[in-house]
Every structure is written in C-alpha cells, then in structure tokens.
N, C-alpha and C. Protein backbone atom coordinates (compact mmCIF):
# COMPACT_ATOMS: atom_id res chain seq x y z
N MET A 1 34.82 -37.87 6.25
CA MET A 1 33.40 -37.81 6.58
C MET A 1 32.61 -37.90 5.28
N SER A 2 31.64 -38.78 5.23
CA SER A 2 30.82 -38.91 4.02
C SER A 2 29.74 -37.83 4.01
N SER A 3 29.11 -37.66 2.84
CA SER A 3 28.07 -36.62 2.73
C SER A 3 26.85 -36.94 3.58
N LEU A 4 26.73 -38.21 4.03
CA LEU A 4 25.58 -38.60 4.85
C LEU A 4 25.81 -38.29 6.33
N GLU A 5 27.06 -38.06 6.70
CA GLU A 5 27.34 -37.79 8.11
C GLU A 5 26.87 -36.39 8.49
N MET A 6 26.49 -36.28 9.76
CA MET A 6 25.96 -35.01 10.25
C MET A 6 26.91 -34.41 11.29
N ASN A 7 26.88 -33.10 11.36
CA ASN A 7 27.62 -32.37 12.39
C ASN A 7 26.66 -31.31 12.93
N ASN A 8 26.33 -31.41 14.20
CA ASN A 8 25.39 -30.47 14.83
C ASN A 8 24.06 -30.41 14.09
N GLY A 9 23.60 -31.56 13.61
CA GLY A 9 22.29 -31.64 12.96
C GLY A 9 22.28 -31.22 11.50
N VAL A 10 23.44 -30.96 10.91
CA VAL A 10 23.52 -30.54 9.51
C VAL A 10 24.32 -31.59 8.73
N HIS A 11 23.73 -32.08 7.63
CA HIS A 11 24.45 -33.02 6.78
C HIS A 11 25.58 -32.29 6.07
N ARG A 12 26.66 -33.02 5.85
CA ARG A 12 27.81 -32.43 5.15
C ARG A 12 27.42 -31.92 3.77
N ASP A 13 26.57 -32.66 3.05
CA ASP A 13 26.19 -32.20 1.70
C ASP A 13 25.41 -30.89 1.75
N GLU A 14 24.67 -30.65 2.84
CA GLU A 14 23.99 -29.36 3.01
C GLU A 14 25.00 -28.24 3.20
N ALA A 15 26.04 -28.51 4.00
CA ALA A 15 27.07 -27.50 4.23
C ALA A 15 27.80 -27.18 2.93
N GLU A 16 28.13 -28.20 2.15
CA GLU A 16 28.82 -27.97 0.88
C GLU A 16 27.91 -27.22 -0.10
N ALA A 17 26.61 -27.53 -0.09
CA ALA A 17 25.68 -26.81 -0.96
C ALA A 17 25.61 -25.33 -0.58
N ALA A 18 25.71 -25.04 0.72
CA ALA A 18 25.71 -23.64 1.16
C ALA A 18 26.92 -22.89 0.62
N VAL A 19 28.07 -23.56 0.56
CA VAL A 19 29.27 -22.93 0.01
C VAL A 19 29.07 -22.65 -1.47
N ARG A 20 28.49 -23.61 -2.20
CA ARG A 20 28.22 -23.40 -3.63
C ARG A 20 27.28 -22.21 -3.83
N THR A 21 26.29 -22.07 -2.96
CA THR A 21 25.37 -20.93 -3.05
C THR A 21 26.12 -19.61 -2.87
N LEU A 22 27.01 -19.55 -1.89
CA LEU A 22 27.79 -18.33 -1.67
C LEU A 22 28.70 -18.03 -2.86
N LEU A 23 29.28 -19.06 -3.46
CA LEU A 23 30.11 -18.84 -4.64
C LEU A 23 29.29 -18.23 -5.77
N ARG A 24 28.09 -18.77 -5.98
CA ARG A 24 27.22 -18.22 -7.03
C ARG A 24 26.83 -16.79 -6.69
N TRP A 25 26.50 -16.53 -5.44
CA TRP A 25 26.10 -15.19 -5.00
C TRP A 25 27.22 -14.18 -5.23
N ALA A 26 28.49 -14.63 -5.05
CA ALA A 26 29.63 -13.74 -5.25
C ALA A 26 29.93 -13.50 -6.73
N GLY A 27 29.28 -14.28 -7.61
CA GLY A 27 29.49 -14.09 -9.05
C GLY A 27 30.31 -15.17 -9.70
N GLU A 28 30.58 -16.25 -8.99
CA GLU A 28 31.39 -17.34 -9.53
C GLU A 28 30.53 -18.49 -10.03
N ASP A 29 31.18 -19.40 -10.72
CA ASP A 29 30.55 -20.62 -11.22
C ASP A 29 31.11 -21.79 -10.44
N PRO A 30 30.36 -22.36 -9.49
CA PRO A 30 30.87 -23.45 -8.66
C PRO A 30 31.25 -24.70 -9.46
N SER A 31 30.78 -24.80 -10.71
CA SER A 31 31.14 -25.97 -11.52
C SER A 31 32.44 -25.75 -12.29
N ARG A 32 33.02 -24.56 -12.17
CA ARG A 32 34.30 -24.30 -12.82
C ARG A 32 35.36 -25.21 -12.21
N GLU A 33 36.31 -25.67 -13.04
CA GLU A 33 37.29 -26.66 -12.60
C GLU A 33 38.01 -26.26 -11.31
N GLY A 34 38.44 -25.02 -11.22
CA GLY A 34 39.18 -24.58 -10.05
C GLY A 34 38.35 -24.53 -8.77
N LEU A 35 37.02 -24.56 -8.91
CA LEU A 35 36.15 -24.45 -7.74
C LEU A 35 35.42 -25.76 -7.40
N LEU A 36 35.63 -26.79 -8.19
CA LEU A 36 34.89 -28.03 -7.98
C LEU A 36 35.07 -28.59 -6.57
N ASP A 37 36.29 -28.54 -6.05
CA ASP A 37 36.56 -29.10 -4.72
C ASP A 37 36.49 -28.06 -3.61
N THR A 38 36.19 -26.81 -3.96
CA THR A 38 36.17 -25.75 -2.95
C THR A 38 35.14 -26.01 -1.85
N PRO A 39 33.91 -26.42 -2.14
CA PRO A 39 32.97 -26.67 -1.05
C PRO A 39 33.47 -27.71 -0.06
N ARG A 40 34.07 -28.79 -0.56
CA ARG A 40 34.63 -29.81 0.34
C ARG A 40 35.74 -29.22 1.20
N ARG A 41 36.62 -28.45 0.56
CA ARG A 41 37.74 -27.87 1.29
C ARG A 41 37.26 -26.86 2.35
N VAL A 42 36.26 -26.07 2.01
CA VAL A 42 35.75 -25.08 2.97
C VAL A 42 35.14 -25.79 4.18
N VAL A 43 34.37 -26.84 3.94
CA VAL A 43 33.76 -27.58 5.05
C VAL A 43 34.84 -28.23 5.91
N ASP A 44 35.88 -28.78 5.27
CA ASP A 44 37.00 -29.34 6.04
C ASP A 44 37.66 -28.26 6.88
N ALA A 45 37.85 -27.07 6.30
CA ALA A 45 38.47 -25.96 7.02
C ALA A 45 37.61 -25.56 8.22
N TYR A 46 36.28 -25.51 8.02
CA TYR A 46 35.39 -25.14 9.12
C TYR A 46 35.49 -26.15 10.25
N GLN A 47 35.63 -27.43 9.92
CA GLN A 47 35.76 -28.43 10.98
C GLN A 47 37.00 -28.17 11.82
N ASP A 48 38.06 -27.70 11.20
CA ASP A 48 39.29 -27.38 11.92
C ASP A 48 39.13 -26.06 12.68
N TRP A 49 38.73 -25.00 11.97
CA TRP A 49 38.64 -23.68 12.58
C TRP A 49 37.70 -23.63 13.78
N PHE A 50 36.63 -24.41 13.74
CA PHE A 50 35.60 -24.33 14.79
C PHE A 50 35.52 -25.60 15.62
N SER A 51 36.66 -26.29 15.73
CA SER A 51 36.70 -27.52 16.52
C SER A 51 36.52 -27.25 18.01
N GLY A 52 36.63 -26.00 18.43
CA GLY A 52 36.45 -25.67 19.84
C GLY A 52 35.06 -25.96 20.36
N TYR A 53 34.07 -26.03 19.49
CA TYR A 53 32.72 -26.34 19.96
C TYR A 53 32.61 -27.77 20.45
N ALA A 54 33.52 -28.63 20.00
CA ALA A 54 33.50 -30.03 20.44
C ALA A 54 34.34 -30.24 21.69
N ASP A 55 35.05 -29.20 22.14
CA ASP A 55 35.93 -29.29 23.30
C ASP A 55 35.31 -28.64 24.52
N ASP A 56 35.68 -29.15 25.69
CA ASP A 56 35.39 -28.48 26.96
C ASP A 56 36.74 -28.01 27.50
N PRO A 57 37.09 -26.73 27.31
CA PRO A 57 38.41 -26.26 27.74
C PRO A 57 38.71 -26.54 29.21
N ALA A 58 37.69 -26.59 30.04
CA ALA A 58 37.90 -26.86 31.47
C ALA A 58 38.53 -28.23 31.69
N GLU A 59 38.24 -29.19 30.82
CA GLU A 59 38.80 -30.53 30.97
C GLU A 59 40.32 -30.52 30.92
N TYR A 60 40.90 -29.60 30.17
CA TYR A 60 42.36 -29.55 30.07
C TYR A 60 43.01 -29.20 31.40
N LEU A 61 42.25 -28.55 32.29
CA LEU A 61 42.82 -28.07 33.55
C LEU A 61 42.59 -29.02 34.71
N ARG A 62 41.89 -30.11 34.48
CA ARG A 62 41.50 -30.97 35.60
C ARG A 62 42.66 -31.83 36.13
N ARG A 63 43.68 -32.06 35.30
CA ARG A 63 44.84 -32.82 35.78
C ARG A 63 45.89 -31.83 36.29
N THR A 64 46.08 -31.82 37.58
CA THR A 64 46.99 -30.85 38.20
C THR A 64 48.11 -31.57 38.94
N PHE A 65 49.10 -30.78 39.36
CA PHE A 65 50.25 -31.31 40.10
C PHE A 65 50.34 -30.56 41.43
N GLU A 66 50.47 -31.33 42.51
CA GLU A 66 50.56 -30.72 43.83
C GLU A 66 51.97 -30.75 44.39
N GLU A 67 52.87 -31.53 43.80
CA GLU A 67 54.25 -31.61 44.29
C GLU A 67 55.07 -30.49 43.66
N VAL A 68 54.91 -29.31 44.21
CA VAL A 68 55.60 -28.14 43.65
C VAL A 68 56.47 -27.45 44.70
N ALA A 69 56.82 -28.19 45.76
CA ALA A 69 57.72 -27.69 46.81
C ALA A 69 57.25 -26.36 47.39
N GLY A 70 55.94 -26.20 47.50
CA GLY A 70 55.40 -25.00 48.10
C GLY A 70 55.42 -23.77 47.21
N TYR A 71 55.66 -23.96 45.91
CA TYR A 71 55.71 -22.80 45.00
C TYR A 71 54.36 -22.11 44.98
N ASP A 72 54.36 -20.80 45.25
CA ASP A 72 53.10 -20.06 45.28
C ASP A 72 53.23 -18.69 44.62
N GLU A 73 54.26 -18.51 43.80
CA GLU A 73 54.44 -17.25 43.09
C GLU A 73 53.75 -17.31 41.72
N MET A 74 53.74 -16.21 41.03
CA MET A 74 53.03 -16.09 39.77
C MET A 74 53.59 -17.04 38.70
N ILE A 75 52.68 -17.61 37.96
CA ILE A 75 53.01 -18.44 36.80
C ILE A 75 52.43 -17.73 35.58
N VAL A 76 53.27 -17.49 34.57
CA VAL A 76 52.85 -16.73 33.39
C VAL A 76 53.26 -17.47 32.13
N LEU A 77 52.33 -17.62 31.23
CA LEU A 77 52.61 -18.16 29.90
C LEU A 77 52.32 -17.05 28.89
N ARG A 78 53.38 -16.61 28.19
CA ARG A 78 53.27 -15.47 27.28
C ARG A 78 53.16 -15.93 25.83
N ASP A 79 52.63 -15.02 25.02
CA ASP A 79 52.67 -15.18 23.56
C ASP A 79 52.06 -16.48 23.06
N ILE A 80 50.88 -16.80 23.55
CA ILE A 80 50.14 -17.97 23.05
C ILE A 80 49.43 -17.53 21.77
N GLU A 81 49.96 -17.91 20.64
CA GLU A 81 49.37 -17.49 19.37
C GLU A 81 48.06 -18.23 19.14
N PHE A 82 47.10 -17.53 18.56
CA PHE A 82 45.81 -18.16 18.25
C PHE A 82 45.23 -17.56 16.99
N GLU A 83 44.33 -18.31 16.37
CA GLU A 83 43.49 -17.81 15.28
C GLU A 83 42.05 -18.07 15.68
N SER A 84 41.23 -17.06 15.52
CA SER A 84 39.81 -17.19 15.80
C SER A 84 39.05 -16.56 14.65
N HIS A 85 37.73 -16.45 14.81
CA HIS A 85 36.90 -15.82 13.78
C HIS A 85 35.85 -14.94 14.44
N CYS A 86 35.69 -13.77 13.89
CA CYS A 86 34.73 -12.79 14.37
C CYS A 86 33.30 -13.30 14.17
N GLU A 87 32.50 -13.27 15.21
CA GLU A 87 31.13 -13.76 15.08
C GLU A 87 30.23 -12.80 14.31
N HIS A 88 30.70 -11.58 14.08
CA HIS A 88 29.88 -10.62 13.34
C HIS A 88 30.07 -10.73 11.83
N HIS A 89 31.30 -11.02 11.39
CA HIS A 89 31.58 -11.07 9.95
C HIS A 89 32.20 -12.39 9.50
N MET A 90 32.46 -13.30 10.45
CA MET A 90 33.10 -14.59 10.16
C MET A 90 34.49 -14.38 9.55
N ALA A 91 35.13 -13.27 9.87
CA ALA A 91 36.47 -12.96 9.38
C ALA A 91 37.49 -13.35 10.45
N PRO A 92 38.73 -13.65 10.04
CA PRO A 92 39.74 -14.08 11.00
C PRO A 92 40.12 -13.02 12.02
N ILE A 93 40.42 -13.49 13.21
CA ILE A 93 41.04 -12.71 14.28
C ILE A 93 42.36 -13.43 14.57
N ILE A 94 43.47 -12.73 14.39
CA ILE A 94 44.78 -13.34 14.59
C ILE A 94 45.46 -12.63 15.75
N GLY A 95 45.89 -13.38 16.75
CA GLY A 95 46.48 -12.70 17.89
C GLY A 95 47.29 -13.59 18.79
N ARG A 96 47.52 -13.06 19.98
CA ARG A 96 48.26 -13.81 21.00
C ARG A 96 47.66 -13.48 22.36
N ALA A 97 47.72 -14.46 23.23
CA ALA A 97 47.20 -14.31 24.58
C ALA A 97 48.33 -14.50 25.58
N HIS A 98 48.24 -13.77 26.69
CA HIS A 98 49.17 -13.92 27.80
C HIS A 98 48.32 -14.29 29.02
N VAL A 99 48.72 -15.36 29.70
CA VAL A 99 47.92 -15.89 30.80
C VAL A 99 48.80 -16.03 32.03
N GLY A 100 48.30 -15.54 33.17
CA GLY A 100 49.02 -15.70 34.42
C GLY A 100 48.08 -16.07 35.54
N TYR A 101 48.59 -16.79 36.54
CA TYR A 101 47.78 -17.09 37.71
C TYR A 101 48.68 -17.26 38.93
N LEU A 102 48.08 -17.07 40.10
CA LEU A 102 48.76 -17.26 41.37
C LEU A 102 48.22 -18.54 41.99
N PRO A 103 49.00 -19.63 41.96
CA PRO A 103 48.47 -20.91 42.42
C PRO A 103 48.22 -20.93 43.92
N THR A 104 47.34 -21.81 44.31
CA THR A 104 47.15 -22.08 45.74
C THR A 104 48.04 -23.27 46.09
N ASN A 105 47.53 -24.47 45.97
CA ASN A 105 48.35 -25.65 46.29
C ASN A 105 48.50 -26.59 45.11
N LYS A 106 48.20 -26.12 43.90
CA LYS A 106 48.33 -26.99 42.73
C LYS A 106 48.61 -26.14 41.50
N VAL A 107 49.31 -26.76 40.55
CA VAL A 107 49.59 -26.11 39.27
C VAL A 107 49.15 -27.06 38.17
N VAL A 108 49.10 -26.50 36.96
CA VAL A 108 48.69 -27.28 35.80
C VAL A 108 49.83 -27.25 34.79
N GLY A 109 49.93 -28.29 33.97
CA GLY A 109 50.94 -28.30 32.92
C GLY A 109 50.75 -27.11 32.00
N ILE A 110 51.85 -26.46 31.62
CA ILE A 110 51.72 -25.21 30.88
C ILE A 110 51.05 -25.38 29.52
N SER A 111 51.21 -26.55 28.90
CA SER A 111 50.54 -26.75 27.60
C SER A 111 49.03 -26.69 27.75
N LYS A 112 48.55 -26.99 28.94
CA LYS A 112 47.09 -26.98 29.16
C LYS A 112 46.55 -25.56 29.12
N LEU A 113 47.35 -24.58 29.55
CA LEU A 113 46.91 -23.19 29.45
C LEU A 113 46.75 -22.80 27.98
N ALA A 114 47.70 -23.23 27.15
CA ALA A 114 47.60 -22.95 25.72
C ALA A 114 46.38 -23.64 25.11
N ARG A 115 46.08 -24.84 25.59
CA ARG A 115 44.90 -25.56 25.07
C ARG A 115 43.59 -24.88 25.45
N VAL A 116 43.56 -24.26 26.63
CA VAL A 116 42.37 -23.51 27.03
C VAL A 116 42.15 -22.34 26.08
N VAL A 117 43.22 -21.61 25.78
CA VAL A 117 43.12 -20.51 24.82
C VAL A 117 42.61 -21.03 23.49
N GLU A 118 43.21 -22.11 23.01
CA GLU A 118 42.84 -22.69 21.72
C GLU A 118 41.38 -23.14 21.71
N GLY A 119 40.95 -23.77 22.80
CA GLY A 119 39.58 -24.28 22.86
C GLY A 119 38.54 -23.18 22.71
N PHE A 120 38.78 -22.03 23.34
CA PHE A 120 37.84 -20.93 23.22
C PHE A 120 38.03 -20.16 21.91
N ALA A 121 39.27 -20.09 21.42
CA ALA A 121 39.52 -19.34 20.18
C ALA A 121 38.90 -20.04 18.98
N ARG A 122 38.81 -21.35 19.00
CA ARG A 122 38.28 -22.08 17.85
C ARG A 122 36.75 -22.15 17.90
N ARG A 123 36.19 -20.98 18.14
CA ARG A 123 34.73 -20.78 18.10
C ARG A 123 34.53 -19.39 17.51
N PHE A 124 33.32 -19.08 17.08
CA PHE A 124 33.04 -17.69 16.70
C PHE A 124 33.15 -16.84 17.95
N GLN A 125 33.84 -15.69 17.84
CA GLN A 125 34.17 -14.94 19.03
C GLN A 125 34.06 -13.44 18.82
N VAL A 126 33.98 -12.73 19.93
CA VAL A 126 34.39 -11.34 20.03
C VAL A 126 35.52 -11.35 21.04
N GLN A 127 36.48 -10.48 20.88
CA GLN A 127 37.70 -10.56 21.69
C GLN A 127 37.42 -10.39 23.17
N GLU A 128 36.50 -9.50 23.51
CA GLU A 128 36.19 -9.28 24.92
C GLU A 128 35.69 -10.57 25.58
N LYS A 129 34.81 -11.27 24.87
CA LYS A 129 34.27 -12.52 25.40
C LYS A 129 35.35 -13.58 25.52
N LEU A 130 36.18 -13.69 24.49
CA LEU A 130 37.28 -14.65 24.50
C LEU A 130 38.17 -14.44 25.72
N THR A 131 38.53 -13.20 25.99
CA THR A 131 39.39 -12.87 27.12
C THR A 131 38.75 -13.28 28.44
N ALA A 132 37.48 -12.95 28.60
CA ALA A 132 36.77 -13.28 29.84
C ALA A 132 36.59 -14.78 30.00
N GLU A 133 36.31 -15.50 28.92
CA GLU A 133 36.11 -16.95 29.01
C GLU A 133 37.38 -17.66 29.46
N ILE A 134 38.51 -17.26 28.93
CA ILE A 134 39.78 -17.87 29.32
C ILE A 134 40.02 -17.67 30.81
N ALA A 135 39.88 -16.42 31.26
CA ALA A 135 40.14 -16.10 32.67
C ALA A 135 39.19 -16.84 33.59
N ARG A 136 37.91 -16.83 33.26
CA ARG A 136 36.91 -17.46 34.12
C ARG A 136 37.11 -18.98 34.21
N CYS A 137 37.48 -19.60 33.10
CA CYS A 137 37.72 -21.04 33.09
C CYS A 137 38.87 -21.40 34.04
N ILE A 138 39.97 -20.66 33.96
CA ILE A 138 41.11 -20.93 34.83
C ILE A 138 40.74 -20.69 36.28
N GLN A 139 40.01 -19.62 36.56
CA GLN A 139 39.60 -19.31 37.92
C GLN A 139 38.68 -20.40 38.47
N ASP A 140 37.71 -20.83 37.67
CA ASP A 140 36.72 -21.80 38.15
C ASP A 140 37.33 -23.17 38.41
N VAL A 141 38.26 -23.60 37.57
CA VAL A 141 38.78 -24.96 37.70
C VAL A 141 39.96 -25.04 38.67
N LEU A 142 40.91 -24.12 38.57
CA LEU A 142 42.10 -24.20 39.41
C LEU A 142 41.92 -23.52 40.77
N ALA A 143 40.94 -22.63 40.87
CA ALA A 143 40.71 -21.87 42.10
C ALA A 143 41.99 -21.24 42.63
N PRO A 144 42.72 -20.51 41.78
CA PRO A 144 43.94 -19.84 42.25
C PRO A 144 43.59 -18.57 43.02
N ARG A 145 44.63 -17.90 43.55
CA ARG A 145 44.40 -16.64 44.26
C ARG A 145 44.08 -15.51 43.29
N GLY A 146 44.37 -15.71 42.03
CA GLY A 146 44.05 -14.71 41.03
C GLY A 146 44.45 -15.17 39.65
N VAL A 147 43.84 -14.53 38.64
CA VAL A 147 44.11 -14.84 37.23
C VAL A 147 44.21 -13.53 36.47
N GLY A 148 45.16 -13.46 35.55
CA GLY A 148 45.26 -12.34 34.63
C GLY A 148 45.35 -12.85 33.21
N VAL A 149 44.58 -12.25 32.32
CA VAL A 149 44.61 -12.61 30.90
C VAL A 149 44.65 -11.32 30.09
N VAL A 150 45.59 -11.23 29.17
CA VAL A 150 45.65 -10.13 28.21
C VAL A 150 45.68 -10.72 26.82
N VAL A 151 44.82 -10.21 25.94
CA VAL A 151 44.75 -10.69 24.56
C VAL A 151 45.01 -9.50 23.64
N GLU A 152 45.90 -9.69 22.68
CA GLU A 152 46.19 -8.70 21.65
C GLU A 152 45.90 -9.34 20.31
N ALA A 153 45.14 -8.67 19.45
CA ALA A 153 44.76 -9.31 18.19
C ALA A 153 44.48 -8.29 17.10
N VAL A 154 44.62 -8.76 15.87
CA VAL A 154 44.27 -8.01 14.67
C VAL A 154 43.00 -8.63 14.11
N HIS A 155 42.03 -7.77 13.78
CA HIS A 155 40.73 -8.23 13.32
C HIS A 155 40.59 -7.97 11.82
N GLN A 156 40.50 -9.05 11.05
CA GLN A 156 40.40 -8.91 9.60
C GLN A 156 39.08 -8.26 9.17
N CYS A 157 38.08 -8.28 10.03
CA CYS A 157 36.82 -7.60 9.70
C CYS A 157 37.03 -6.08 9.67
N MET A 158 38.13 -5.62 10.25
CA MET A 158 38.43 -4.19 10.25
C MET A 158 39.56 -3.85 9.27
N THR A 159 40.48 -4.79 9.07
CA THR A 159 41.63 -4.50 8.22
C THR A 159 41.37 -4.77 6.74
N THR A 160 40.46 -5.69 6.41
CA THR A 160 40.23 -6.05 5.00
C THR A 160 38.89 -5.58 4.48
N ARG A 161 38.09 -4.94 5.32
CA ARG A 161 36.78 -4.43 4.90
C ARG A 161 36.45 -3.21 5.76
N GLY A 162 35.31 -2.61 5.52
CA GLY A 162 34.89 -1.48 6.36
C GLY A 162 35.87 -0.33 6.30
N VAL A 163 36.48 0.00 7.43
CA VAL A 163 37.38 1.16 7.50
C VAL A 163 38.77 0.88 6.94
N HIS A 164 39.11 -0.38 6.71
CA HIS A 164 40.40 -0.77 6.11
C HIS A 164 41.59 -0.15 6.84
N LYS A 165 41.63 -0.29 8.15
CA LYS A 165 42.77 0.20 8.94
C LYS A 165 43.69 -0.98 9.23
N THR A 166 44.78 -1.07 8.47
CA THR A 166 45.59 -2.28 8.48
C THR A 166 46.60 -2.35 9.63
N ARG A 167 46.92 -1.25 10.28
CA ARG A 167 47.93 -1.28 11.34
C ARG A 167 47.32 -1.14 12.73
N VAL A 168 46.11 -1.60 12.86
CA VAL A 168 45.39 -1.47 14.13
C VAL A 168 45.30 -2.83 14.80
N SER A 169 45.62 -2.86 16.08
CA SER A 169 45.40 -4.08 16.86
C SER A 169 44.60 -3.70 18.10
N MET A 170 43.97 -4.69 18.68
CA MET A 170 43.12 -4.46 19.84
C MET A 170 43.69 -5.23 21.03
N ALA A 171 43.65 -4.62 22.21
CA ALA A 171 44.10 -5.27 23.44
C ALA A 171 42.94 -5.29 24.43
N THR A 172 42.76 -6.45 25.05
CA THR A 172 41.74 -6.60 26.10
C THR A 172 42.38 -7.32 27.29
N SER A 173 41.84 -7.09 28.46
CA SER A 173 42.36 -7.77 29.64
C SER A 173 41.22 -8.15 30.56
N GLN A 174 41.47 -9.21 31.32
CA GLN A 174 40.53 -9.62 32.38
C GLN A 174 41.38 -9.98 33.59
N MET A 175 41.15 -9.30 34.70
CA MET A 175 41.89 -9.54 35.93
C MET A 175 40.91 -10.02 37.00
N LEU A 176 41.22 -11.13 37.63
CA LEU A 176 40.37 -11.70 38.67
C LEU A 176 41.17 -11.91 39.94
N GLY A 177 40.50 -11.86 41.09
CA GLY A 177 41.16 -12.11 42.37
C GLY A 177 42.25 -11.10 42.64
N ALA A 178 43.44 -11.60 43.01
CA ALA A 178 44.55 -10.73 43.37
C ALA A 178 45.01 -9.85 42.22
N PHE A 179 44.80 -10.30 40.99
CA PHE A 179 45.20 -9.49 39.84
C PHE A 179 44.32 -8.24 39.71
N ARG A 180 43.10 -8.33 40.19
CA ARG A 180 42.20 -7.18 40.16
C ARG A 180 42.37 -6.32 41.42
N ASP A 181 42.53 -7.00 42.57
CA ASP A 181 42.49 -6.29 43.85
C ASP A 181 43.82 -5.69 44.28
N ASP A 182 44.93 -6.23 43.78
CA ASP A 182 46.25 -5.80 44.23
C ASP A 182 47.00 -5.18 43.05
N ALA A 183 47.23 -3.87 43.11
CA ALA A 183 47.89 -3.17 42.02
C ALA A 183 49.30 -3.69 41.78
N ARG A 184 49.98 -4.12 42.84
CA ARG A 184 51.34 -4.64 42.67
C ARG A 184 51.35 -5.96 41.91
N THR A 185 50.39 -6.81 42.21
CA THR A 185 50.28 -8.09 41.49
C THR A 185 49.98 -7.85 40.03
N ARG A 186 49.05 -6.95 39.78
CA ARG A 186 48.70 -6.62 38.40
C ARG A 186 49.91 -6.04 37.66
N ALA A 187 50.64 -5.13 38.31
CA ALA A 187 51.81 -4.53 37.68
C ALA A 187 52.90 -5.56 37.40
N GLU A 188 53.07 -6.52 38.32
CA GLU A 188 54.07 -7.57 38.11
C GLU A 188 53.70 -8.41 36.88
N PHE A 189 52.43 -8.75 36.76
CA PHE A 189 51.97 -9.52 35.60
C PHE A 189 52.22 -8.75 34.31
N LEU A 190 51.83 -7.48 34.28
CA LEU A 190 52.01 -6.69 33.07
C LEU A 190 53.49 -6.50 32.74
N GLN A 191 54.33 -6.46 33.77
CA GLN A 191 55.77 -6.37 33.54
C GLN A 191 56.29 -7.69 32.95
N PHE A 192 55.80 -8.81 33.44
CA PHE A 192 56.18 -10.12 32.93
C PHE A 192 55.88 -10.23 31.43
N ILE A 193 54.72 -9.73 31.03
CA ILE A 193 54.34 -9.89 29.62
C ILE A 193 54.80 -8.72 28.77
N ALA A 194 55.45 -7.74 29.42
CA ALA A 194 56.08 -6.61 28.70
C ALA A 194 55.11 -5.83 27.84
N ILE A 195 53.97 -5.47 28.42
CA ILE A 195 53.02 -4.62 27.74
C ILE A 195 53.58 -3.19 27.77
N PRO A 196 53.85 -2.57 26.64
CA PRO A 196 54.43 -1.22 26.63
C PRO A 196 53.56 -0.23 27.40
N GLY A 197 54.20 0.59 28.23
CA GLY A 197 53.49 1.63 28.96
C GLY A 197 52.77 1.14 30.20
N ALA A 198 52.89 -0.17 30.53
CA ALA A 198 52.19 -0.68 31.71
C ALA A 198 52.87 -0.13 32.96
N ARG A 199 52.05 0.17 33.95
CA ARG A 199 52.58 0.68 35.22
C ARG A 199 52.41 -0.40 36.28
C-alpha cells in the first residue's frame, strides 16, 4: 500500500506519522536507525490485527450442508485460539473460544466456525461483547435449536500494566436457545469442552 492509499478515510502516511508521534511521546527518537521502519511495520501490523473490520463474519456461515443423514445432535468446536485487542487500552487479549450448536436441518463447515471467531476477534473488543457477538451471529444465520459459546482469555491490559496479575484469566459464556433453557444441554456442552467444575 502506498502512502497515498487510504483506509477508512485515513491516509497511510497519517497513520505512520501518528506512530512517530507516539514514539516521540514515549521518549524515543523516530529517526534513530532501529526505529526508521517501525511506523511502517506498526501500520502493517494494524492492518493484520484489525482485519476483522473488513469482514462480515455472517458470510462465513451462509454456505451450509443439508445432507447430514438426519444428524441433529450437538456439534462442538473446541479450543479455537484467537488474538484480539482490548478496546480500552489497545493491549492484546490472547485466548481460546469453544463453540457449540444444535443444528436443525443444516450444518456448516467447521472451519467456518473458527472464521467467525476470528472475524470478531480481529477488532477492538471487550471479552463479554466478543462472546455475545459470536453466539448471536451463529444463532441469526444458522437458526439452530441453540448455541453455546465459552471464551477463556488472558488480558495484557491487566497482566502487563495496572494490577500486574500475571496468572489471571477470564471466562465468559453466552447460551442461547436450548443451551440456555435446558440444563442438560448446557451441562453436556460444558462437559464436551471440559470446563473444570462444570455441572
């Protein structure tokens, strides 16, 4: 991308200038040899880290399969690793998501569930919102009998600054349909993903 190209109404050279300003604010010299290419690299990294804004995660779920021999039991994809960034401090959130749903008459390719997680994770996030967005997207597009999403993550805004608690992780869940209304369905899902202490 040249410096004349724009992304969301901002020229690349403006974004790189903002990085140089932050380097100066932190006490560095952006013209120092080791930092000369840092603004370009940071902008490139942002294009990767926040590529989810250019995606519609729902699109990944629109191609479904109906030839499943009447399969209507729970489908669970565990340990979907993701990296996101906290919208409050722009610090990394590193975690994994577990996604389950009870199909009606169609299923989706399992890689598409991982892509939905990735699409929402590659935006500025809070974990609660991320969890709810994943669940709602699957519910809205696939219209299953229920959806369960559990997200476990470590927040660098808490481990590397502020209270500096390095062994803390956060867990959030969103249960819709049968996963919310039926305790047995919810328990089966939690057993599938092996959440310690789940009943």
